């Protein structure tokens, strides 16, 4: 089986296609049609038909020549994608061959180490040596069998890819447009099925070797030096040694032997040492703050679990120097809610801690308590809603996105094109503003985290929102909760809406931020933590503005 000649095959095919495309540009095709020969191609249905045929009267019809060229272009694009897939599989197959060699070499070195140590106590440990060698051979055989199976799978996939490309090449040579369009659709379907199939290009075999532990109690002293094969051996003449290049957050056993011309002494007692962890990685876009608190989130930065984390923060002065550092210790998870002073700036960092000690500090982040800072929760967004990289602008680009192109989860909105925001989870005062367009229909407000994802914001008892509706005669504004709204008329269309939430006092107010004009206030008792919510009922965009001081008219109204 030749699994690695796909690239040369693709080069030959590309040259042939290029020559044929140049010839086709110089030729002129004249097709004579009778009354029974199809003279058009229905683009939505992808079938041959007649001009004016009833089933396709309202569809987009193409002449046979342009239709054939369009299909050939699609075929060329699919061929290019398939070529890239073949290149990936060739690289993966090459990697498998290298791993074959590595596995053989690693197992050889492991077996040599075992032989070297066991020769010293050969008579006592012969049967143990045989058992361990057999176990290593069994692991090797299993690993090689898995790798060989992966290599065969890659070869079969490559053969199928080359066969599909050859079929496409043969069709591409046809000059009879009618025959080409009749024969090409099954091939295109095979291309789509093949391109849509995700190939598993991950190595399915672990290269770590498990050496079975034997019962060596009868020869404990002799076996102290071989129960665990050394990761590294250092020969020094001094009575001290520095061991470097150790993995972070890992446990090591260390022991010492003395050597002279007569041989090697028994091993010393073993010392267990734990290296400190790697620094955590703070996620700035997932950190939120308010006037008196901040929620800091981070990634561990370590493969193995750590015991706890320590959060350190200090106030940033106007001259950029720092005041005394405060700490929150014994944090069990990768987030912490910390109480802060209003209208200050803080530098915050995190350490990971294990029995070996604390890690270095993470890269710091600046946190401000001058206002409300939060971002949109991408995992709650309706599939038709796109978010900007900074998590502050939402776009609804296409209200007719096919349902088959949408992916839903339990947290995403399914009916309303909406998304939730992420406030600090405490009862307090929050203020933010939303930049809107007067021709866009939208809903903005707050909702509980468990608000129904298959209903509209404001249409249930777990959400409160301001809704803008554009009618032929006027702009209409509703303030909805549980499907009910008071009758309110707004004469000046707000282009920037301010939202003030005081969850402790049970107040949710809306303002025309440009005019500092009060629009409406909900008075309610919030049973749960409320999240900002945003929705677009028609294509458009909403831009969120955070970190703003609460305007004076809002604080007076409170």
Protein backbone atom coordinates (compact mmCIF):
# COMPACT_ATOMS: atom_id res chain seq x y z
CA UNK A 1 0.00 0.00 0.00
CA UNK A 2 1.41 3.37 -1.06
CA UNK A 3 -0.02 5.91 1.38
CA UNK A 4 2.33 8.80 0.70
CA UNK A 5 2.10 9.60 -3.06
CA UNK A 6 -1.04 11.78 -2.79
CA UNK A 7 0.95 15.02 -3.11
CA UNK A 8 2.51 14.05 -6.47
CA UNK A 9 -0.92 12.86 -7.67
CA UNK A 10 -2.42 16.23 -6.72
CA UNK A 11 0.34 18.11 -8.57
CA UNK A 12 -0.31 16.15 -11.80
CA UNK A 13 -4.07 16.70 -11.48
CA UNK A 14 -3.57 20.44 -10.86
CA UNK A 15 -1.44 20.75 -14.01
CA UNK A 16 -4.02 18.88 -16.10
CA UNK A 17 -6.85 21.04 -14.74
CA UNK A 18 -4.89 24.21 -15.50
CA UNK A 19 -4.28 23.10 -19.13
CA UNK A 20 -7.94 22.18 -19.59
CA UNK A 21 -9.13 25.48 -18.12
CA UNK A 22 -6.90 27.38 -20.60
CA UNK A 23 -8.31 25.33 -23.48
CA UNK A 24 -11.87 25.94 -22.30
CA UNK A 25 -11.26 29.71 -22.26
CA UNK A 26 -10.25 29.55 -25.96
CA UNK A 27 -13.18 27.35 -27.05
CA UNK A 28 -16.76 28.46 -27.70
CA UNK A 29 -19.52 25.99 -27.07
CA UNK A 30 -22.70 26.10 -29.12
CA UNK A 31 -25.53 23.96 -27.86
CA UNK A 32 -28.49 23.07 -30.02
CA UNK A 33 -31.53 22.29 -27.94
CA UNK A 34 -34.81 20.76 -28.97
CA UNK A 35 -38.03 21.03 -27.05
CA UNK A 36 -37.20 18.00 -24.90
CA UNK A 37 -33.67 19.02 -23.89
CA UNK A 38 -33.31 20.97 -20.59
CA UNK A 39 -32.04 24.46 -21.25
CA UNK A 40 -31.55 25.78 -17.70
CA UNK A 41 -30.18 24.80 -14.27
CA UNK A 42 -32.12 25.56 -11.06
CA UNK A 43 -29.52 26.88 -8.61
CA UNK A 44 -31.51 26.33 -5.34
CA UNK A 45 -32.67 22.81 -6.31
CA UNK A 46 -29.45 21.97 -8.22
CA UNK A 47 -31.28 20.11 -11.02
CA UNK A 48 -31.64 20.53 -14.81
CA UNK A 49 -34.96 22.06 -15.96
CA UNK A 50 -36.67 24.10 -18.68
CA UNK A 51 -36.99 27.85 -18.71
CA UNK A 52 -40.40 28.74 -17.32
CA UNK A 53 -41.02 25.29 -15.81
CA UNK A 54 -43.68 25.61 -13.09
CA UNK A 55 -41.85 23.94 -10.18
CA UNK A 56 -38.94 26.35 -10.55
CA UNK A 57 -40.67 29.45 -11.86
CA UNK A 58 -39.67 31.55 -8.82
CA UNK A 59 -36.23 30.04 -8.41
CA UNK A 60 -32.90 31.37 -9.67
CA UNK A 61 -32.27 29.76 -13.10
CA UNK A 62 -28.90 29.72 -14.79
CA UNK A 63 -27.96 28.98 -18.37
CA UNK A 64 -26.21 25.65 -18.78
CA UNK A 65 -22.82 27.17 -19.55
CA UNK A 66 -22.62 29.45 -16.47
CA UNK A 67 -24.16 26.69 -14.35
CA UNK A 68 -21.50 24.23 -15.42
CA UNK A 69 -18.78 26.80 -14.73
CA UNK A 70 -20.27 27.51 -11.28
CA UNK A 71 -20.31 23.80 -10.43
CA UNK A 72 -16.74 23.44 -11.68
CA UNK A 73 -15.67 26.34 -9.43
CA UNK A 74 -17.34 24.66 -6.45
CA UNK A 75 -15.67 21.41 -7.41
CA UNK A 76 -12.29 23.16 -7.56
CA UNK A 77 -12.82 24.68 -4.11
CA UNK A 78 -13.77 21.28 -2.67
CA UNK A 79 -10.72 19.78 -4.34
CA UNK A 80 -8.50 22.40 -2.70
CA UNK A 81 -9.98 21.67 0.74
CA UNK A 82 -9.48 17.97 0.21
CA UNK A 83 -5.87 18.60 -0.82
CA UNK A 84 -5.27 20.37 2.48
CA UNK A 85 -6.81 17.44 4.35
CA UNK A 86 -4.54 15.03 2.47
CA UNK A 87 -1.50 17.11 3.44
CA UNK A 88 -2.53 16.92 7.11
CA UNK A 89 -3.00 13.16 6.91
CA UNK A 90 0.36 12.73 5.15
CA UNK A 91 2.05 14.68 7.95
CA UNK A 92 0.23 12.59 10.56
CA UNK A 93 1.28 9.36 8.82
CA UNK A 94 4.89 10.60 8.73
CA UNK A 95 4.64 11.38 12.44
CA UNK A 96 3.40 7.85 13.08
CA UNK A 97 6.43 6.40 11.34
CA UNK A 98 8.74 8.49 13.51
CA UNK A 99 6.85 7.36 16.61
CA UNK A 100 7.39 3.73 15.55
CA UNK A 101 11.12 4.33 15.71
CA UNK A 102 10.86 6.27 18.99
CA UNK A 103 8.80 3.53 20.65
CA UNK A 104 11.37 0.89 19.68
CA UNK A 105 14.26 3.02 20.96
CA UNK A 106 12.53 3.96 24.23
CA UNK A 107 11.58 0.41 25.01
CA UNK A 108 15.14 -0.70 24.17
CA UNK A 109 16.62 1.80 26.60
CA UNK A 110 14.11 0.79 29.27
CA UNK A 111 15.01 -2.87 28.85
CA UNK A 112 18.74 -2.11 29.02
CA UNK A 113 18.25 -0.22 32.29
CA UNK A 114 16.38 -3.15 33.77
CA UNK A 115 19.06 -5.61 32.63
CA UNK A 116 21.87 -3.48 34.08
CA UNK A 117 20.29 -3.26 37.56
CA UNK A 118 18.95 -6.79 37.76
CA UNK A 119 22.29 -8.41 36.85
CA UNK A 120 23.55 -7.46 40.33
CA UNK A 121 20.94 -9.70 41.99
CA UNK A 122 20.30 -12.07 39.08
CA UNK A 123 19.84 -15.31 41.01
CA UNK A 124 17.29 -13.77 43.42
CA UNK A 125 15.40 -11.66 40.94
CA UNK A 126 15.48 -13.76 37.73
CA UNK A 127 11.76 -14.54 37.73
CA UNK A 128 10.90 -10.91 38.53
CA UNK A 129 13.09 -9.78 35.65
CA UNK A 130 11.29 -12.11 33.27
CA UNK A 131 7.90 -10.89 34.43
CA UNK A 132 8.81 -7.23 33.97
CA UNK A 133 10.37 -7.80 30.57
CA UNK A 134 7.26 -9.68 29.45
CA UNK A 135 5.09 -6.80 30.69
CA UNK A 136 7.16 -4.28 28.74
CA UNK A 137 6.96 -6.44 25.61
CA UNK A 138 3.20 -6.68 25.98
CA UNK A 139 2.91 -2.90 26.32
CA UNK A 140 5.18 -2.46 23.30
CA UNK A 141 3.11 -4.85 21.19
CA UNK A 142 -0.13 -3.13 22.14
CA UNK A 143 1.34 0.28 21.35
CA UNK A 144 2.72 -0.85 18.01
CA UNK A 145 -0.54 -2.54 17.07
CA UNK A 146 -2.46 0.65 17.81
CA UNK A 147 0.02 2.72 15.83
CA UNK A 148 -0.11 0.29 12.91
CA UNK A 149 -3.91 0.39 12.93
CA UNK A 150 -3.78 4.21 12.81
CA UNK A 151 -1.33 4.04 9.92
CA UNK A 152 -3.63 1.67 8.00
CA UNK A 153 -6.57 3.98 8.63
CA UNK A 154 -4.61 6.93 7.25
CA UNK A 155 -3.70 4.88 4.19
CA UNK A 156 -7.31 3.92 3.50
CA UNK A 157 -8.39 7.53 3.84
CA UNK A 158 -5.67 8.68 1.48
CA UNK A 159 -6.65 6.04 -1.10
CA UNK A 160 -10.29 7.08 -0.90
CA UNK A 161 -9.28 10.73 -1.30
CA UNK A 162 -7.20 10.01 -4.41
CA UNK A 163 -10.03 7.96 -5.92
CA UNK A 164 -12.46 10.82 -5.31
CA UNK A 165 -10.09 13.34 -6.89
CA UNK A 166 -9.64 11.10 -9.95
CA UNK A 167 -13.43 10.88 -10.35
CA UNK A 168 -13.66 14.66 -10.13
CA UNK A 169 -10.84 14.98 -12.67
CA UNK A 170 -12.60 12.69 -15.11
CA UNK A 171 -15.83 14.66 -14.80
CA UNK A 172 -13.99 17.93 -15.21
CA UNK A 173 -12.70 16.83 -18.62
CA UNK A 174 -16.21 16.41 -20.03
CA UNK A 175 -17.21 19.03 -22.55
CA UNK A 176 -20.84 17.96 -22.79
CA UNK A 177 -22.45 20.36 -20.34
CA UNK A 178 -25.68 18.39 -20.05
CA UNK A 179 -23.92 15.12 -19.29
CA UNK A 180 -21.55 16.87 -16.89
CA UNK A 181 -24.36 18.36 -14.80
CA UNK A 182 -26.18 15.02 -14.67
CA UNK A 183 -23.12 13.13 -13.46
CA UNK A 184 -21.50 15.71 -11.18
CA UNK A 185 -24.08 15.88 -8.35
CA UNK A 186 -23.27 12.45 -6.79
CA UNK A 187 -19.59 13.39 -6.82
CA UNK A 188 -20.32 16.72 -5.13
CA UNK A 189 -22.34 14.95 -2.46
CA UNK A 190 -19.39 12.61 -1.83
CA UNK A 191 -17.10 15.65 -1.58
CA UNK A 192 -19.45 17.28 0.96
CA UNK A 193 -19.71 14.09 3.01
CA UNK A 194 -15.95 13.57 2.91
CA UNK A 195 -15.14 17.22 3.72
CA UNK A 196 -17.67 17.29 6.57
CA UNK A 197 -16.13 14.23 8.22
CA UNK A 198 -13.62 15.19 10.89
CA UNK A 199 -10.58 12.91 10.80
CA UNK A 200 -9.05 12.04 14.16
CA UNK A 201 -5.44 13.10 13.74
CA UNK A 202 -4.56 12.75 17.41
CA UNK A 203 -2.13 10.14 18.61
CA UNK A 204 -4.15 7.37 20.27
CA UNK A 205 -1.18 5.77 22.08
CA UNK A 206 0.49 6.98 25.27
CA UNK A 207 4.29 6.98 25.15
CA UNK A 208 4.56 6.64 28.94
CA UNK A 209 5.59 3.14 30.05
CA UNK A 210 4.14 1.50 33.15
CA UNK A 211 6.72 -0.65 34.94
CA UNK A 212 4.82 -3.08 37.22
CA UNK A 213 5.80 -2.99 40.88
CA UNK A 214 7.10 -6.28 42.25
CA UNK A 215 7.10 -7.57 45.83
CA UNK A 216 10.72 -7.17 46.76
CA UNK A 217 10.48 -7.19 50.54
CA UNK A 218 13.03 -10.02 50.84
CA UNK A 219 15.68 -7.97 49.07
CA UNK A 220 14.61 -4.49 50.10
CA UNK A 221 18.08 -3.12 50.72
CA UNK A 222 19.46 -4.35 47.41
CA UNK A 223 16.44 -3.12 45.47
CA UNK A 224 16.32 0.41 46.90
CA UNK A 225 18.27 1.62 43.91
CA UNK A 226 16.03 0.00 41.28
CA UNK A 227 12.40 0.26 42.49
CA UNK A 228 12.31 3.61 40.73
CA UNK A 229 14.66 4.10 37.82
CA UNK A 230 16.41 7.46 38.15
CA UNK A 231 15.09 10.31 36.07
CA UNK A 232 18.62 11.67 35.99
CA UNK A 233 21.93 10.77 37.59
CA UNK A 234 24.44 13.41 38.61
CA UNK A 235 28.03 12.60 39.50
CA UNK A 236 29.65 15.17 41.79
CA UNK A 237 32.65 15.27 44.11
CA UNK A 238 31.14 17.76 46.56
CA UNK A 239 28.73 17.02 49.41
CA UNK A 240 26.00 19.09 47.74
CA UNK A 241 24.34 19.27 44.34
CA UNK A 242 21.88 21.54 42.54
CA UNK A 243 19.24 19.69 40.51
CA UNK A 244 17.70 21.85 37.79
CA UNK A 245 15.19 21.51 34.92
CA UNK A 246 12.55 19.88 37.13
CA UNK A 247 8.89 20.05 36.19
CA UNK A 248 6.68 22.48 38.15
CA UNK A 249 4.07 21.14 40.60
CA UNK A 250 5.62 17.66 40.52
CA UNK A 251 6.84 15.30 43.25
CA UNK A 252 10.37 13.88 43.13
CA UNK A 253 12.30 11.33 45.20
CA UNK A 254 15.99 11.97 45.69
CA UNK A 255 18.69 9.69 47.12
CA UNK A 256 22.47 9.54 47.17
CA UNK A 257 25.05 6.77 46.65
CA UNK A 258 28.81 6.94 47.23
CA UNK A 259 31.25 5.55 44.69
CA UNK A 260 34.90 4.54 44.92
CA UNK A 261 37.22 2.09 43.17
CA UNK A 262 35.56 -0.89 44.83
CA UNK A 263 32.01 -0.04 43.70
CA UNK A 264 28.81 1.75 44.63
CA UNK A 265 27.43 2.00 48.17
CA UNK A 266 23.81 1.24 49.10
CA UNK A 267 21.44 4.16 48.57
CA UNK A 268 20.76 6.70 51.29
CA UNK A 269 17.33 7.26 52.71
CA UNK A 270 15.03 8.83 50.17
CA UNK A 271 13.92 12.45 50.44
CA UNK A 272 10.62 13.52 48.85
CA UNK A 273 10.52 16.99 47.35
CA UNK A 274 7.61 18.86 45.71
CA UNK A 275 8.40 21.59 43.20
CA UNK A 276 6.33 24.77 43.38
CA UNK A 277 3.56 25.29 40.77
CA UNK A 278 3.65 27.42 37.66
CA UNK A 279 2.02 30.87 37.97
CA UNK A 280 -1.72 31.01 37.20
CA UNK A 281 -3.03 32.91 34.16
CA UNK A 282 -5.64 35.59 34.89
CA UNK A 283 -8.43 35.93 32.29
CA UNK A 284 -9.02 39.71 32.00
CA UNK A 285 -12.14 39.44 29.81
CA UNK A 286 -13.80 37.23 32.43
CA UNK A 287 -13.03 39.60 35.34
CA UNK A 288 -15.88 41.92 36.41
CA UNK A 289 -16.12 44.69 38.97
CA UNK A 290 -18.50 47.13 40.63
CA UNK A 291 -18.17 50.08 43.04
CA UNK A 292 -17.11 47.92 45.99
CA UNK A 293 -16.14 44.46 44.71
CA UNK A 294 -14.49 42.52 41.91
CA UNK A 295 -14.76 38.93 40.69
CA UNK A 296 -11.37 37.70 39.44
CA UNK A 297 -11.13 34.55 37.30
CA UNK A 298 -8.00 32.69 36.17
CA UNK A 299 -6.68 29.43 34.71
CA UNK A 300 -4.55 27.17 36.91
CA UNK A 301 -1.49 27.18 34.64
CA UNK A 302 -0.65 23.67 35.89
CA UNK A 303 -1.43 20.23 34.49
CA UNK A 304 -1.69 18.61 37.93
CA UNK A 305 -4.10 20.04 40.53
CA UNK A 306 -2.74 22.47 43.12
CA UNK A 307 -3.79 22.72 46.74
CA UNK A 308 -5.05 26.32 46.73
CA UNK A 309 -4.52 29.84 45.40
CA UNK A 310 -3.60 33.17 46.96
CA UNK A 311 -4.94 36.45 45.52
CA UNK A 312 -2.86 39.57 46.16
CA UNK A 313 -4.02 43.13 45.54
CA UNK A 314 -2.81 46.64 46.19
CA UNK A 315 -4.10 50.09 45.40
CA UNK A 316 -2.47 51.89 42.48
CA UNK A 317 -1.56 55.44 43.41
CA UNK A 318 -1.68 58.39 41.04
CA UNK A 319 2.11 58.24 40.63
CA UNK A 320 1.86 54.52 39.67
CA UNK A 321 3.57 53.38 42.87
CA UNK A 322 1.82 50.79 45.00
CA UNK A 323 0.61 50.79 48.60
CA UNK A 324 0.74 47.80 50.97
CA UNK A 325 -0.29 44.48 49.46
CA UNK A 326 -3.29 42.58 50.90
CA UNK A 327 -3.94 38.87 50.36
CA UNK A 328 -6.83 36.43 50.22
CA UNK A 329 -5.49 32.94 50.97
CA UNK A 330 -6.65 29.31 50.70
CA UNK A 331 -8.85 29.92 47.65
CA UNK A 332 -10.01 26.44 46.51
CA UNK A 333 -11.07 27.24 42.92
CA UNK A 334 -9.97 29.43 40.00
CA UNK A 335 -12.04 32.48 40.95
CA UNK A 336 -12.39 34.84 43.90
CA UNK A 337 -14.82 37.59 44.90
CA UNK A 338 -12.85 40.31 46.71
CA UNK A 339 -14.25 43.37 48.51
CA UNK A 340 -12.64 46.68 47.44
CA UNK A 341 -12.96 50.41 48.11
CA UNK A 342 -15.13 52.53 45.75
CA UNK A 343 -13.58 54.67 43.02
CA UNK A 344 -10.10 53.20 43.25
CA UNK A 345 -7.71 51.38 40.92
CA UNK A 346 -6.08 48.13 42.01
CA UNK A 347 -3.30 45.87 40.76
CA UNK A 348 -4.28 42.23 41.28
CA UNK A 349 -2.22 39.05 40.83
CA UNK A 350 -2.61 35.39 41.83
CA UNK A 351 -0.26 32.65 43.10
CA UNK A 352 -0.77 28.88 43.03
CA UNK A 353 0.19 27.02 46.23
CA UNK A 354 1.16 23.41 47.03
CA UNK A 355 3.18 21.76 49.83
CA UNK A 356 6.35 22.94 48.10
CA UNK A 357 5.29 26.58 48.50
CA UNK A 358 3.72 29.37 46.42
CA UNK A 359 4.38 29.95 42.74
CA UNK A 360 5.58 33.21 41.28
CA UNK A 361 2.94 35.88 40.81
CA UNK A 362 0.79 35.76 37.71
CA UNK A 363 0.83 38.60 35.24
CA UNK A 364 -1.13 41.37 37.03
CA UNK A 365 -4.38 42.97 35.89
CA UNK A 366 -5.71 46.46 36.57
CA UNK A 367 -9.15 46.57 38.14
CA UNK A 368 -11.16 49.78 38.54
CA UNK A 369 -14.05 50.36 40.96
CA UNK A 370 -15.03 53.66 39.35
CA UNK A 371 -18.15 52.07 37.87
CA UNK A 372 -19.64 48.82 36.60
CA UNK A 373 -17.34 46.68 34.44
CA UNK A 374 -18.60 43.50 32.77
CA UNK A 375 -18.65 41.67 29.44
CA UNK A 376 -21.14 39.65 27.48
CA UNK A 377 -21.39 35.90 28.12
CA UNK A 378 -20.69 34.32 24.74
CA UNK A 379 -21.97 30.90 25.82
CA UNK A 380 -25.49 32.36 26.27
CA UNK A 381 -25.68 34.12 22.88
CA UNK A 382 -28.16 33.03 20.22
CA UNK A 383 -26.30 31.49 17.22
CA UNK A 384 -27.38 34.42 14.99
CA UNK A 385 -25.73 36.89 17.38
CA UNK A 386 -22.04 37.76 16.91
CA UNK A 387 -19.89 39.41 19.58
CA UNK A 388 -16.88 41.67 19.12
CA UNK A 389 -13.44 40.63 20.37
CA UNK A 390 -13.70 42.94 23.41
CA UNK A 391 -17.08 41.43 24.35
CA UNK A 392 -18.87 44.81 24.31
CA UNK A 393 -20.66 44.94 20.93
CA UNK A 394 -23.28 42.52 19.58
CA UNK A 395 -24.29 42.15 15.92
CA UNK A 396 -27.35 40.51 14.35
CA UNK A 397 -26.30 40.18 10.72
CA UNK A 398 -28.76 37.74 9.17
CA UNK A 399 -32.24 37.06 10.53
CA UNK A 400 -32.71 34.24 7.96
CA UNK A 401 -29.74 32.10 9.04
CA UNK A 402 -30.74 28.48 8.22
CA UNK A 403 -31.66 26.43 11.28
CA UNK A 404 -29.26 23.72 10.14
CA UNK A 405 -26.37 26.19 10.55
CA UNK A 406 -27.26 26.93 14.18
CA UNK A 407 -25.85 25.12 17.20
CA UNK A 408 -27.80 25.37 20.45
CA UNK A 409 -26.98 24.34 24.00
CA UNK A 410 -28.88 24.50 27.28
CA UNK A 411 -27.45 27.96 28.00
CA UNK A 412 -27.97 29.62 24.58
CA UNK A 413 -31.10 31.57 23.74
CA UNK A 414 -33.18 29.62 21.20
CA UNK A 415 -36.02 31.98 20.18
CA UNK A 416 -34.97 35.49 21.14
CA UNK A 417 -31.72 36.67 19.51
CA UNK A 418 -30.32 37.57 22.91
CA UNK A 419 -27.30 37.38 25.21
CA UNK A 420 -26.67 37.85 28.95
CA UNK A 421 -24.04 39.99 30.66
CA UNK A 422 -21.92 39.07 33.68
CA UNK A 423 -22.25 41.30 36.76
CA UNK A 424 -20.45 40.87 40.08
CA UNK A 425 -22.74 38.41 41.94
CA UNK A 426 -23.59 40.61 44.91
CA UNK A 427 -26.56 42.80 45.77
CA UNK A 428 -25.65 46.40 45.06
CA UNK A 429 -25.90 49.29 42.60
CA UNK A 430 -24.90 49.03 38.93
CA UNK A 431 -25.09 51.39 35.97
CA UNK A 432 -24.30 50.87 32.28
CA UNK A 433 -25.31 52.41 28.94
CA UNK A 434 -26.18 50.95 25.54
CA UNK A 435 -25.66 52.73 22.24
CA UNK A 436 -28.63 51.97 19.93
CA UNK A 437 -29.88 52.80 16.43
CA UNK A 438 -33.30 54.42 16.03
CA UNK A 439 -34.18 52.05 13.15
CA UNK A 440 -33.27 48.87 15.03
CA UNK A 441 -35.74 46.94 17.17
CA UNK A 442 -34.20 45.80 20.44
CA UNK A 443 -34.79 44.70 24.03
CA UNK A 444 -32.51 45.70 26.92
CA UNK A 445 -32.85 45.11 30.64
CA UNK A 446 -32.05 42.40 33.20
CA UNK A 447 -32.93 38.74 33.62
CA UNK A 448 -32.24 35.87 35.99
CA UNK A 449 -29.57 33.40 34.93
CA UNK A 450 -32.20 30.64 34.58
CA UNK A 451 -34.60 32.73 32.50
CA UNK A 452 -36.31 30.62 29.83
CA UNK A 453 -34.15 30.35 26.71
CA UNK A 454 -37.11 29.55 24.42
CA UNK A 455 -39.12 32.68 25.26
CA UNK A 456 -38.71 36.41 24.59
CA UNK A 457 -37.14 38.81 27.10
CA UNK A 458 -39.87 40.55 29.03
CA UNK A 459 -42.39 37.86 28.13
CA UNK A 460 -41.92 35.94 31.39
CA UNK A 461 -41.62 36.63 35.11
CA UNK A 462 -37.83 36.20 35.16
CA UNK A 463 -36.90 39.15 32.93
CA UNK A 464 -37.54 42.91 32.78
CA UNK A 465 -36.78 44.92 29.67
CA UNK A 466 -37.29 48.06 27.59
CA UNK A 467 -38.45 47.19 24.07
CA UNK A 468 -38.23 49.39 20.96
CA UNK A 469 -40.61 48.69 18.04
CA UNK A 470 -40.54 50.48 14.66
CA UNK A 471 -43.97 50.84 13.02
CA UNK A 472 -44.89 52.62 9.76
CA UNK A 473 -46.36 55.50 11.73
CA UNK A 474 -44.16 55.86 14.81
CA UNK A 475 -41.56 54.47 17.19
CA UNK A 476 -43.11 52.50 20.02
CA UNK A 477 -41.51 51.78 23.40
CA UNK A 478 -42.65 49.12 25.87
CA UNK A 479 -41.40 48.28 29.35
CA UNK A 480 -42.14 44.58 29.64
CA UNK A 481 -42.31 42.15 32.54
CA UNK A 482 -44.27 38.91 32.36
CA UNK A 483 -45.74 40.06 29.03
CA UNK A 484 -47.32 43.25 30.44
CA UNK A 485 -46.31 46.90 29.83
CA UNK A 486 -47.67 50.25 31.02
CA UNK A 487 -48.84 52.75 28.40
CA UNK A 488 -45.87 55.12 28.04
CA UNK A 489 -45.19 57.55 25.18
CA UNK A 490 -41.60 58.72 24.47
CA UNK A 491 -41.30 61.70 22.14
CA UNK A 492 -37.49 61.90 21.81
CA UNK A 493 -35.92 58.67 20.57
CA UNK A 494 -32.98 57.76 22.82
CA UNK A 495 -29.77 56.90 20.98
CA UNK A 496 -27.99 55.96 24.20
CA UNK A 497 -30.00 54.21 26.91
CA UNK A 498 -28.82 54.21 30.52
CA UNK A 499 -29.77 51.31 32.80
CA UNK A 500 -29.59 51.61 36.59
CA UNK A 501 -30.02 48.52 38.76
CA UNK A 502 -30.22 48.61 42.55
CA UNK A 503 -30.90 44.97 43.43
CA UNK A 504 -30.96 45.69 47.18
CA UNK A 505 -33.65 48.38 46.84
CA UNK A 506 -35.55 46.48 44.11
CA UNK A 507 -35.18 49.26 41.49
CA UNK A 508 -34.55 48.97 37.75
CA UNK A 509 -34.62 52.32 35.89
CA UNK A 510 -34.13 53.35 32.25
CA UNK A 511 -32.86 56.74 31.06
CA UNK A 512 -32.22 58.67 27.87
CA UNK A 513 -28.53 59.06 28.71
CA UNK A 514 -27.90 61.92 26.27
CA UNK A 515 -30.67 64.04 27.82
CA UNK A 516 -30.39 62.52 31.34
CA UNK A 517 -34.16 61.99 31.04
CA UNK A 518 -35.93 59.35 33.13
CA UNK A 519 -38.02 56.95 31.00
CA UNK A 520 -39.42 54.30 33.35
CA UNK A 521 -38.71 52.48 36.63
CA UNK A 522 -39.60 48.91 37.63
CA UNK A 523 -40.13 48.41 41.35
CA UNK A 524 -39.69 44.75 42.15
CA UNK A 525 -38.18 42.30 44.60
CA UNK A 526 -35.29 40.45 42.97
CA UNK A 527 -35.25 36.91 44.32
CA UNK A 528 -32.03 35.94 42.52
CA UNK A 529 -28.93 37.55 41.09
CA UNK A 530 -29.88 39.53 37.97
CA UNK A 531 -27.81 39.63 34.78
CA UNK A 532 -27.89 42.39 32.14
CA UNK A 533 -29.72 41.13 29.05
CA UNK A 534 -29.74 42.36 25.46
CA UNK A 535 -31.65 41.26 22.35
CA UNK A 536 -32.06 42.36 18.75
CA UNK A 537 -35.47 41.72 17.16
CA UNK A 538 -34.22 42.93 13.73
CA UNK A 539 -30.74 42.98 12.19
CA UNK A 540 -28.51 45.65 13.67
CA UNK A 541 -26.01 46.25 16.45
CA UNK A 542 -25.89 47.28 20.11
CA UNK A 543 -22.76 48.63 21.79
CA UNK A 544 -22.26 48.34 25.54
CA UNK A 545 -20.50 51.09 27.56
CA UNK A 546 -19.25 50.14 31.03
CA UNK A 547 -17.06 51.69 33.71
CA UNK A 548 -19.20 54.83 33.81
CA UNK A 549 -19.97 56.86 36.89
CA UNK A 550 -23.65 56.86 37.75
CA UNK A 551 -25.11 60.23 36.59
CA UNK A 552 -26.34 62.66 39.23
CA UNK A 553 -30.03 62.54 38.11
CA UNK A 554 -29.96 58.79 38.67
CA UNK A 555 -28.54 59.02 42.19
CA UNK A 556 -31.02 61.79 43.06
CA UNK A 557 -33.93 59.72 41.76
CA UNK A 558 -32.82 56.88 43.96
